[in-house]
Amino acid sequence: MSLQKILAISGKPGLYDLKLQTRTGFVAESLLDGKKITVGLRANVSLLSEIAVYTYNEEVRLAEIFKAIATKENEGPAISHKETDENLKAYFREILPEFDEDRVYTSDIKKVMNWYNLLQSKGMISIEALTAQEKPEEASE
């Protein structure tokens, strides 16, 4: 599994797989329903490989958080993003004890849990692959 081509598009539910770049944007396929959409260059798009979560000391990449969840759940599904705020924060504290509670909102935790479960249900979560993605700059040296 590679987070390099998995996108979160603002205003659109779920995650998308980058399929093709075009002159005016790109084509992405929804991981929820498999429908392809075209996205313009002005759309607010984030690569999952570039997303990080604030801690009190540093920012932790999403791949590391997904790896911690996968390790805790033995590569199985995590708790639902629809759990209570208290349950979500307690669970997130188990996998990332030092997350900055002032800058990481419950809505952020819900997104992480939702994204993890979506990727896990598609068979895209593997501890081995996530370990390889944790430090991409070291792999190129």
N, C-alpha and C. Protein backbone atom coordinates (compact mmCIF):
# COMPACT_ATOMS: atom_id res chain seq x y z
N MET A 1 0.84 -1.18 0.00
CA MET A 1 0.00 0.00 0.00
C MET A 1 0.88 1.24 0.00
N SER A 2 0.56 2.18 -0.84
CA SER A 2 1.32 3.42 -0.88
C SER A 2 0.38 4.60 -0.70
N LEU A 3 0.74 5.47 0.23
CA LEU A 3 -0.06 6.67 0.45
C LEU A 3 0.31 7.75 -0.56
N GLN A 4 1.30 7.49 -1.41
CA GLN A 4 1.79 8.49 -2.35
C GLN A 4 0.73 8.95 -3.35
N LYS A 5 -0.20 8.08 -3.71
CA LYS A 5 -1.21 8.45 -4.70
C LYS A 5 -2.63 8.45 -4.13
N ILE A 6 -2.74 8.45 -2.81
CA ILE A 6 -4.06 8.51 -2.17
C ILE A 6 -4.32 9.96 -1.77
N LEU A 7 -5.48 10.46 -2.17
CA LEU A 7 -5.82 11.88 -1.99
C LEU A 7 -7.03 12.06 -1.09
N ALA A 8 -7.03 13.15 -0.37
CA ALA A 8 -8.21 13.64 0.33
C ALA A 8 -8.57 14.96 -0.37
N ILE A 9 -9.79 15.04 -0.85
CA ILE A 9 -10.23 16.23 -1.59
C ILE A 9 -11.24 16.97 -0.74
N SER A 10 -10.95 18.23 -0.47
CA SER A 10 -11.82 19.04 0.37
C SER A 10 -13.21 19.13 -0.25
N GLY A 11 -14.22 18.90 0.58
CA GLY A 11 -15.60 18.99 0.12
C GLY A 11 -16.13 17.71 -0.48
N LYS A 12 -15.29 16.68 -0.57
CA LYS A 12 -15.72 15.39 -1.13
C LYS A 12 -15.48 14.30 -0.08
N PRO A 13 -16.45 13.41 0.09
CA PRO A 13 -16.29 12.37 1.11
C PRO A 13 -15.30 11.29 0.68
N GLY A 14 -14.68 10.65 1.67
CA GLY A 14 -13.82 9.51 1.39
C GLY A 14 -12.45 9.89 0.86
N LEU A 15 -11.78 8.90 0.30
CA LEU A 15 -10.45 9.07 -0.26
C LEU A 15 -10.47 8.72 -1.73
N TYR A 16 -9.47 9.19 -2.44
CA TYR A 16 -9.39 9.00 -3.89
C TYR A 16 -8.01 8.51 -4.28
N ASP A 17 -7.97 7.67 -5.30
CA ASP A 17 -6.72 7.18 -5.86
C ASP A 17 -6.41 8.02 -7.10
N LEU A 18 -5.23 8.62 -7.12
CA LEU A 18 -4.81 9.43 -8.27
C LEU A 18 -4.56 8.50 -9.46
N LYS A 19 -5.29 8.70 -10.54
CA LYS A 19 -5.17 7.84 -11.70
C LYS A 19 -4.36 8.45 -12.83
N LEU A 20 -4.61 9.75 -13.10
CA LEU A 20 -4.02 10.36 -14.28
C LEU A 20 -3.94 11.86 -14.11
N GLN A 21 -2.81 12.43 -14.45
CA GLN A 21 -2.70 13.89 -14.45
C GLN A 21 -3.02 14.39 -15.85
N THR A 22 -3.75 15.51 -15.87
CA THR A 22 -4.10 16.12 -17.16
C THR A 22 -3.58 17.55 -17.17
N ARG A 23 -3.77 18.20 -18.27
CA ARG A 23 -3.34 19.59 -18.41
C ARG A 23 -4.07 20.51 -17.45
N THR A 24 -5.31 20.21 -17.17
CA THR A 24 -6.15 21.10 -16.36
C THR A 24 -6.40 20.57 -14.95
N GLY A 25 -5.75 19.49 -14.56
CA GLY A 25 -5.96 18.92 -13.24
C GLY A 25 -5.58 17.46 -13.23
N PHE A 26 -6.50 16.63 -12.74
CA PHE A 26 -6.23 15.20 -12.73
C PHE A 26 -7.52 14.41 -12.61
N VAL A 27 -7.41 13.10 -12.85
CA VAL A 27 -8.52 12.17 -12.71
C VAL A 27 -8.24 11.32 -11.48
N ALA A 28 -9.24 11.19 -10.64
CA ALA A 28 -9.11 10.40 -9.42
C ALA A 28 -10.28 9.43 -9.33
N GLU A 29 -10.03 8.27 -8.72
CA GLU A 29 -11.07 7.26 -8.54
C GLU A 29 -11.40 7.14 -7.06
N SER A 30 -12.69 7.21 -6.74
CA SER A 30 -13.14 7.12 -5.36
C SER A 30 -12.89 5.72 -4.81
N LEU A 31 -12.34 5.66 -3.60
CA LEU A 31 -12.18 4.36 -2.95
C LEU A 31 -13.50 3.88 -2.35
N LEU A 32 -14.47 4.79 -2.21
CA LEU A 32 -15.77 4.41 -1.66
C LEU A 32 -16.62 3.66 -2.68
N ASP A 33 -16.78 4.24 -3.87
CA ASP A 33 -17.69 3.65 -4.85
C ASP A 33 -17.04 3.36 -6.21
N GLY A 34 -15.77 3.67 -6.38
CA GLY A 34 -15.07 3.37 -7.63
C GLY A 34 -15.34 4.33 -8.77
N LYS A 35 -16.12 5.38 -8.53
CA LYS A 35 -16.41 6.34 -9.59
C LYS A 35 -15.21 7.24 -9.83
N LYS A 36 -14.98 7.55 -11.09
CA LYS A 36 -13.88 8.45 -11.44
C LYS A 36 -14.40 9.87 -11.56
N ILE A 37 -13.61 10.81 -11.06
CA ILE A 37 -13.98 12.22 -11.15
C ILE A 37 -12.78 12.99 -11.68
N THR A 38 -13.07 14.14 -12.26
CA THR A 38 -12.00 15.04 -12.67
C THR A 38 -11.92 16.15 -11.63
N VAL A 39 -10.72 16.52 -11.30
CA VAL A 39 -10.49 17.54 -10.28
C VAL A 39 -9.62 18.62 -10.88
N GLY A 40 -10.08 19.86 -10.78
CA GLY A 40 -9.33 20.99 -11.32
C GLY A 40 -8.14 21.35 -10.45
N LEU A 41 -7.27 22.15 -11.00
CA LEU A 41 -6.06 22.56 -10.29
C LEU A 41 -6.36 23.44 -9.07
N ARG A 42 -7.51 24.07 -9.06
CA ARG A 42 -7.85 24.97 -7.95
C ARG A 42 -8.46 24.24 -6.76
N ALA A 43 -8.76 22.96 -6.89
CA ALA A 43 -9.34 22.20 -5.79
C ALA A 43 -8.33 22.06 -4.65
N ASN A 44 -8.84 22.03 -3.44
CA ASN A 44 -7.99 21.85 -2.26
C ASN A 44 -7.78 20.35 -2.05
N VAL A 45 -6.60 19.86 -2.43
CA VAL A 45 -6.30 18.44 -2.41
C VAL A 45 -5.09 18.19 -1.52
N SER A 46 -5.14 17.12 -0.73
CA SER A 46 -4.01 16.74 0.13
C SER A 46 -3.62 15.30 -0.15
N LEU A 47 -2.34 15.07 -0.33
CA LEU A 47 -1.82 13.71 -0.42
C LEU A 47 -1.70 13.16 0.99
N LEU A 48 -2.16 11.93 1.23
CA LEU A 48 -2.08 11.37 2.57
C LEU A 48 -0.62 11.25 3.03
N SER A 49 0.28 11.07 2.08
CA SER A 49 1.70 10.95 2.44
C SER A 49 2.27 12.25 3.00
N GLU A 50 1.59 13.37 2.76
CA GLU A 50 2.06 14.67 3.23
C GLU A 50 1.36 15.16 4.49
N ILE A 51 0.36 14.43 4.95
CA ILE A 51 -0.41 14.84 6.13
C ILE A 51 0.30 14.36 7.39
N ALA A 52 0.33 15.23 8.40
CA ALA A 52 0.94 14.89 9.68
C ALA A 52 0.04 15.38 10.81
N VAL A 53 0.24 14.83 12.00
CA VAL A 53 -0.55 15.18 13.17
C VAL A 53 0.39 15.83 14.19
N TYR A 54 -0.07 16.91 14.79
CA TYR A 54 0.73 17.62 15.79
C TYR A 54 0.88 16.81 17.06
N THR A 55 2.11 16.79 17.59
CA THR A 55 2.35 16.29 18.93
C THR A 55 3.00 17.45 19.70
N TYR A 56 3.29 17.23 20.96
CA TYR A 56 3.91 18.30 21.74
C TYR A 56 5.35 18.56 21.31
N ASN A 57 5.99 17.59 20.66
CA ASN A 57 7.39 17.72 20.27
C ASN A 57 7.61 17.93 18.78
N GLU A 58 6.80 17.29 17.95
CA GLU A 58 7.02 17.30 16.51
C GLU A 58 5.71 16.99 15.80
N GLU A 59 5.80 16.83 14.49
CA GLU A 59 4.65 16.37 13.72
C GLU A 59 4.89 14.91 13.34
N VAL A 60 3.87 14.08 13.47
CA VAL A 60 3.98 12.66 13.16
C VAL A 60 3.21 12.39 11.87
N ARG A 61 3.88 11.80 10.90
CA ARG A 61 3.25 11.50 9.62
C ARG A 61 2.12 10.49 9.77
N LEU A 62 1.15 10.61 8.88
CA LEU A 62 -0.02 9.74 8.89
C LEU A 62 0.36 8.28 8.74
N ALA A 63 1.39 7.98 7.95
CA ALA A 63 1.84 6.59 7.78
C ALA A 63 2.24 5.98 9.12
N GLU A 64 2.89 6.77 9.97
CA GLU A 64 3.30 6.27 11.29
C GLU A 64 2.08 6.01 12.17
N ILE A 65 1.07 6.87 12.07
CA ILE A 65 -0.14 6.69 12.86
C ILE A 65 -0.90 5.46 12.37
N PHE A 66 -1.01 5.31 11.04
CA PHE A 66 -1.66 4.12 10.49
C PHE A 66 -0.92 2.85 10.92
N LYS A 67 0.41 2.91 10.96
CA LYS A 67 1.20 1.75 11.38
C LYS A 67 0.90 1.42 12.84
N ALA A 68 0.79 2.44 13.69
CA ALA A 68 0.49 2.22 15.11
C ALA A 68 -0.90 1.60 15.28
N ILE A 69 -1.86 2.07 14.49
CA ILE A 69 -3.22 1.49 14.55
C ILE A 69 -3.18 0.05 14.06
N ALA A 70 -2.50 -0.18 12.93
CA ALA A 70 -2.42 -1.53 12.36
C ALA A 70 -1.74 -2.50 13.33
N THR A 71 -0.72 -2.03 14.03
CA THR A 71 -0.03 -2.87 15.01
C THR A 71 -0.96 -3.19 16.17
N LYS A 72 -1.66 -2.18 16.66
CA LYS A 72 -2.60 -2.37 17.78
C LYS A 72 -3.73 -3.32 17.40
N GLU A 73 -4.23 -3.19 16.18
CA GLU A 73 -5.40 -3.97 15.74
C GLU A 73 -5.01 -5.21 14.93
N ASN A 74 -3.69 -5.53 14.86
CA ASN A 74 -3.22 -6.67 14.08
C ASN A 74 -3.69 -6.58 12.62
N GLU A 75 -3.56 -5.39 12.06
CA GLU A 75 -3.94 -5.06 10.69
C GLU A 75 -5.44 -5.17 10.44
N GLY A 76 -6.22 -5.22 11.51
CA GLY A 76 -7.68 -5.27 11.39
C GLY A 76 -8.27 -3.88 11.48
N PRO A 77 -9.61 -3.79 11.46
CA PRO A 77 -10.26 -2.48 11.54
C PRO A 77 -10.10 -1.84 12.92
N ALA A 78 -10.09 -0.52 12.92
CA ALA A 78 -10.02 0.26 14.16
C ALA A 78 -11.45 0.58 14.62
N ILE A 79 -11.56 1.31 15.72
CA ILE A 79 -12.89 1.71 16.17
C ILE A 79 -13.52 2.63 15.13
N SER A 80 -14.80 2.70 15.14
CA SER A 80 -15.53 3.52 14.18
C SER A 80 -15.30 5.01 14.45
N HIS A 81 -15.31 5.78 13.37
CA HIS A 81 -15.20 7.23 13.52
C HIS A 81 -16.49 7.83 14.10
N LYS A 82 -17.51 7.00 14.27
CA LYS A 82 -18.79 7.47 14.80
C LYS A 82 -18.89 7.26 16.32
N GLU A 83 -17.82 6.78 16.95
CA GLU A 83 -17.79 6.63 18.41
C GLU A 83 -17.91 8.00 19.07
N THR A 84 -18.12 7.99 20.38
CA THR A 84 -18.20 9.26 21.11
C THR A 84 -16.84 9.95 21.10
N ASP A 85 -16.87 11.26 21.29
CA ASP A 85 -15.64 12.05 21.30
C ASP A 85 -14.66 11.52 22.35
N GLU A 86 -15.16 11.16 23.54
CA GLU A 86 -14.30 10.67 24.61
C GLU A 86 -13.63 9.36 24.21
N ASN A 87 -14.39 8.44 23.60
CA ASN A 87 -13.82 7.16 23.17
C ASN A 87 -12.77 7.36 22.08
N LEU A 88 -13.04 8.26 21.14
CA LEU A 88 -12.08 8.53 20.07
C LEU A 88 -10.78 9.10 20.62
N LYS A 89 -10.89 10.06 21.53
CA LYS A 89 -9.69 10.66 22.11
C LYS A 89 -8.90 9.64 22.93
N ALA A 90 -9.60 8.81 23.68
CA ALA A 90 -8.93 7.78 24.48
C ALA A 90 -8.20 6.79 23.58
N TYR A 91 -8.85 6.38 22.51
CA TYR A 91 -8.23 5.44 21.55
C TYR A 91 -7.02 6.09 20.90
N PHE A 92 -7.17 7.33 20.46
CA PHE A 92 -6.08 8.03 19.79
C PHE A 92 -4.90 8.23 20.76
N ARG A 93 -5.20 8.46 22.03
CA ARG A 93 -4.15 8.62 23.04
C ARG A 93 -3.37 7.31 23.21
N GLU A 94 -4.04 6.17 23.00
CA GLU A 94 -3.35 4.87 23.08
C GLU A 94 -2.35 4.71 21.94
N ILE A 95 -2.70 5.17 20.75
CA ILE A 95 -1.80 4.98 19.61
C ILE A 95 -0.81 6.12 19.44
N LEU A 96 -1.15 7.30 19.93
CA LEU A 96 -0.25 8.45 19.84
C LEU A 96 -0.37 9.25 21.14
N PRO A 97 0.28 8.76 22.22
CA PRO A 97 0.09 9.36 23.54
C PRO A 97 0.42 10.84 23.63
N GLU A 98 1.36 11.31 22.84
CA GLU A 98 1.81 12.70 22.95
C GLU A 98 1.13 13.66 21.97
N PHE A 99 -0.04 13.27 21.37
CA PHE A 99 -0.68 14.19 20.43
C PHE A 99 -1.12 15.46 21.15
N ASP A 100 -1.02 16.57 20.45
CA ASP A 100 -1.32 17.89 21.02
C ASP A 100 -2.83 18.09 21.05
N GLU A 101 -3.41 17.97 22.23
CA GLU A 101 -4.87 18.02 22.36
C GLU A 101 -5.44 19.41 22.08
N ASP A 102 -4.60 20.43 22.09
CA ASP A 102 -5.07 21.77 21.77
C ASP A 102 -5.15 22.01 20.26
N ARG A 103 -4.32 21.31 19.50
CA ARG A 103 -4.28 21.54 18.05
C ARG A 103 -4.86 20.39 17.22
N VAL A 104 -5.07 19.24 17.84
CA VAL A 104 -5.68 18.11 17.15
C VAL A 104 -7.12 17.99 17.64
N TYR A 105 -8.05 18.30 16.77
CA TYR A 105 -9.46 18.32 17.13
C TYR A 105 -10.09 16.93 16.96
N THR A 106 -11.25 16.75 17.57
CA THR A 106 -11.96 15.48 17.43
C THR A 106 -12.28 15.21 15.97
N SER A 107 -12.59 16.25 15.21
CA SER A 107 -12.88 16.06 13.78
C SER A 107 -11.66 15.51 13.05
N ASP A 108 -10.45 15.91 13.46
CA ASP A 108 -9.23 15.36 12.85
C ASP A 108 -9.09 13.88 13.19
N ILE A 109 -9.36 13.52 14.42
CA ILE A 109 -9.27 12.12 14.85
C ILE A 109 -10.28 11.29 14.08
N LYS A 110 -11.50 11.83 13.90
CA LYS A 110 -12.53 11.12 13.14
C LYS A 110 -12.06 10.85 11.71
N LYS A 111 -11.43 11.85 11.08
CA LYS A 111 -10.92 11.67 9.72
C LYS A 111 -9.87 10.56 9.67
N VAL A 112 -8.94 10.59 10.62
CA VAL A 112 -7.88 9.57 10.64
C VAL A 112 -8.48 8.18 10.79
N MET A 113 -9.43 8.04 11.70
CA MET A 113 -10.05 6.72 11.92
C MET A 113 -10.86 6.28 10.70
N ASN A 114 -11.58 7.22 10.11
CA ASN A 114 -12.37 6.91 8.92
C ASN A 114 -11.45 6.50 7.76
N TRP A 115 -10.38 7.27 7.55
CA TRP A 115 -9.44 6.95 6.47
C TRP A 115 -8.78 5.60 6.70
N TYR A 116 -8.34 5.35 7.92
CA TYR A 116 -7.70 4.06 8.22
C TYR A 116 -8.66 2.91 7.91
N ASN A 117 -9.89 3.01 8.41
CA ASN A 117 -10.85 1.92 8.20
C ASN A 117 -11.19 1.74 6.72
N LEU A 118 -11.26 2.84 5.97
CA LEU A 118 -11.52 2.74 4.53
C LEU A 118 -10.37 2.02 3.83
N LEU A 119 -9.15 2.43 4.12
CA LEU A 119 -7.98 1.79 3.50
C LEU A 119 -7.85 0.33 3.94
N GLN A 120 -8.16 0.06 5.21
CA GLN A 120 -8.08 -1.31 5.72
C GLN A 120 -9.12 -2.19 5.03
N SER A 121 -10.33 -1.68 4.82
CA SER A 121 -11.38 -2.47 4.18
C SER A 121 -11.06 -2.78 2.71
N LYS A 122 -10.21 -1.94 2.10
CA LYS A 122 -9.79 -2.16 0.71
C LYS A 122 -8.51 -3.00 0.62
N GLY A 123 -8.02 -3.48 1.77
CA GLY A 123 -6.81 -4.30 1.78
C GLY A 123 -5.55 -3.49 1.53
N MET A 124 -5.57 -2.21 1.86
CA MET A 124 -4.44 -1.34 1.57
C MET A 124 -3.60 -1.03 2.81
N ILE A 125 -3.86 -1.72 3.93
CA ILE A 125 -3.09 -1.50 5.15
C ILE A 125 -2.19 -2.70 5.38
N SER A 126 -0.89 -2.43 5.47
CA SER A 126 0.10 -3.46 5.74
C SER A 126 1.21 -2.82 6.57
N ILE A 127 1.55 -3.43 7.69
CA ILE A 127 2.59 -2.86 8.56
C ILE A 127 3.90 -2.75 7.80
N GLU A 128 4.23 -3.75 6.99
CA GLU A 128 5.47 -3.72 6.20
C GLU A 128 5.53 -2.51 5.28
N ALA A 129 4.47 -2.30 4.53
CA ALA A 129 4.44 -1.19 3.57
C ALA A 129 4.45 0.16 4.30
N LEU A 130 3.75 0.25 5.41
CA LEU A 130 3.71 1.50 6.16
C LEU A 130 5.08 1.81 6.77
N THR A 131 5.79 0.79 7.20
CA THR A 131 7.14 0.99 7.75
C THR A 131 8.05 1.58 6.69
N ALA A 132 7.93 1.10 5.47
CA ALA A 132 8.76 1.60 4.36
C ALA A 132 8.46 3.06 4.04
N GLN A 133 7.24 3.52 4.35
CA GLN A 133 6.85 4.89 4.03
C GLN A 133 7.13 5.89 5.14
N GLU A 134 7.45 5.41 6.33
CA GLU A 134 7.63 6.30 7.47
C GLU A 134 8.72 7.35 7.24
N LYS A 135 9.83 6.94 6.70
CA LYS A 135 10.96 7.84 6.51
C LYS A 135 11.39 7.85 5.05
N PRO A 136 10.59 8.46 4.16
CA PRO A 136 10.90 8.40 2.74
C PRO A 136 12.24 9.05 2.38
N GLU A 137 12.68 10.05 3.14
CA GLU A 137 13.93 10.71 2.82
C GLU A 137 15.13 9.82 3.09
N GLU A 138 15.01 8.89 4.07
CA GLU A 138 16.12 7.98 4.36
C GLU A 138 16.25 6.91 3.30
N ALA A 139 15.13 6.51 2.71
CA ALA A 139 15.16 5.45 1.69
C ALA A 139 15.90 5.89 0.44
N SER A 140 15.92 7.19 0.17
CA SER A 140 16.55 7.67 -1.05
C SER A 140 18.06 7.89 -0.89
N GLU A 141 18.56 7.82 0.34
CA GLU A 141 19.99 8.06 0.56
C GLU A 141 20.83 6.85 0.23
